[in-house]
């Protein structure tokens, strides 16, 4: 076999991405409804984005709330207090 001769490379599979969380029908209906309200002269209902997002981030981080209970981890103040207490105990024992 000659090491300089190489086999032709296979073509990669084509990329086919289908979004699963997009509802195009709902978006199309919302756009048609907004356009109709503008034509009739009605104010479109535009709710603030913060109301739509309320509670979304706290639901996704439930595991963090477990850390907040109890001692809550070692902060700098708690660590310094622990070191001072250990030094005082060490001085008393010697």
Protein backbone atom coordinates (compact mmCIF):
# COMPACT_ATOMS: atom_id res chain seq x y z
CA UNK A 1 0.00 0.00 0.00
CA UNK A 2 1.20 3.43 -0.82
CA UNK A 3 0.86 5.80 2.23
CA UNK A 4 0.54 8.92 0.06
CA UNK A 5 -2.70 7.76 -1.59
CA UNK A 6 -5.75 8.58 0.54
CA UNK A 7 -9.33 7.51 0.32
CA UNK A 8 -11.91 10.16 -0.59
CA UNK A 9 -13.75 11.49 2.45
CA UNK A 10 -17.43 10.78 2.93
CA UNK A 11 -19.79 13.72 2.82
CA UNK A 12 -21.21 14.58 6.24
CA UNK A 13 -24.89 14.14 6.89
CA UNK A 14 -26.91 17.26 6.06
CA UNK A 15 -27.93 19.41 9.02
CA UNK A 16 -31.68 19.35 9.59
CA UNK A 17 -32.78 21.31 12.66
CA UNK A 18 -36.48 21.38 13.52
CA UNK A 19 -37.29 23.72 16.41
CA UNK A 20 -39.54 21.98 18.91
CA UNK A 21 -40.57 24.90 21.13
CA UNK A 22 -41.82 27.28 18.45
CA UNK A 23 -45.53 27.49 17.73
CA UNK A 24 -45.72 29.23 14.36
CA UNK A 25 -49.51 29.01 14.21
CA UNK A 26 -49.87 30.87 17.52
CA UNK A 27 -47.41 33.56 16.39
CA UNK A 28 -49.23 33.97 13.08
CA UNK A 29 -52.60 34.30 14.83
CA UNK A 30 -51.19 36.85 17.28
CA UNK A 31 -49.79 38.91 14.40
CA UNK A 32 -53.13 38.83 12.54
CA UNK A 33 -54.98 39.82 15.71
CA UNK A 34 -52.57 42.72 16.36
CA UNK A 35 -52.95 43.95 12.79
CA UNK A 36 -56.78 43.78 13.05
CA UNK A 37 -56.77 45.77 16.31
CA UNK A 38 -54.59 48.44 14.72
CA UNK A 39 -56.97 48.70 11.75
CA UNK A 40 -59.98 49.06 14.06
CA UNK A 41 -58.16 51.67 16.12
CA UNK A 42 -58.15 49.64 19.30
CA UNK A 43 -55.22 49.68 21.66
CA UNK A 44 -53.39 46.36 21.53
CA UNK A 45 -52.94 44.63 24.88
CA UNK A 46 -49.24 44.84 25.52
CA UNK A 47 -48.47 43.43 28.92
CA UNK A 48 -45.11 44.19 30.48
CA UNK A 49 -42.56 41.50 29.92
CA UNK A 50 -41.78 41.27 33.62
CA UNK A 51 -45.25 39.88 34.33
CA UNK A 52 -44.70 37.09 31.81
CA UNK A 53 -41.35 36.18 33.36
CA UNK A 54 -42.44 36.29 37.00
CA UNK A 55 -41.35 33.12 38.76
CA UNK A 56 -39.69 31.56 35.72
CA UNK A 57 -36.16 31.88 37.07
CA UNK A 58 -36.99 30.84 40.63
CA UNK A 59 -38.63 27.62 39.39
CA UNK A 60 -35.48 26.61 37.57
CA UNK A 61 -33.21 26.99 40.59
CA UNK A 62 -34.93 25.05 43.35
CA UNK A 63 -31.70 23.28 44.19
CA UNK A 64 -30.17 26.63 45.22
CA UNK A 65 -32.78 27.15 47.94
CA UNK A 66 -31.46 24.11 49.81
CA UNK A 67 -28.12 25.86 50.27
CA UNK A 68 -29.78 28.92 51.72
CA UNK A 69 -31.30 26.95 54.59
CA UNK A 70 -29.31 26.13 57.68
CA UNK A 71 -25.79 27.50 57.87
CA UNK A 72 -25.91 28.81 54.33
CA UNK A 73 -22.30 27.98 53.47
CA UNK A 74 -19.14 29.54 54.80
CA UNK A 75 -19.10 33.27 54.37
CA UNK A 76 -16.00 35.30 55.16
CA UNK A 77 -17.38 36.48 58.48
CA UNK A 78 -18.25 32.97 59.62
CA UNK A 79 -14.84 31.71 58.55
CA UNK A 80 -13.05 34.48 60.47
CA UNK A 81 -15.18 33.79 63.55
CA UNK A 82 -14.34 30.11 63.35
CA UNK A 83 -10.61 30.86 63.07
CA UNK A 84 -10.72 33.23 66.06
CA UNK A 85 -12.58 30.65 68.15
CA UNK A 86 -10.09 27.94 67.23
CA UNK A 87 -7.17 30.22 68.11
CA UNK A 88 -8.72 31.05 71.49
CA UNK A 89 -9.25 27.36 72.25
CA UNK A 90 -5.68 26.61 71.21
CA UNK A 91 -4.31 29.38 73.47
CA UNK A 92 -6.36 28.09 76.43
CA UNK A 93 -5.08 24.55 75.97
CA UNK A 94 -1.41 25.56 75.81
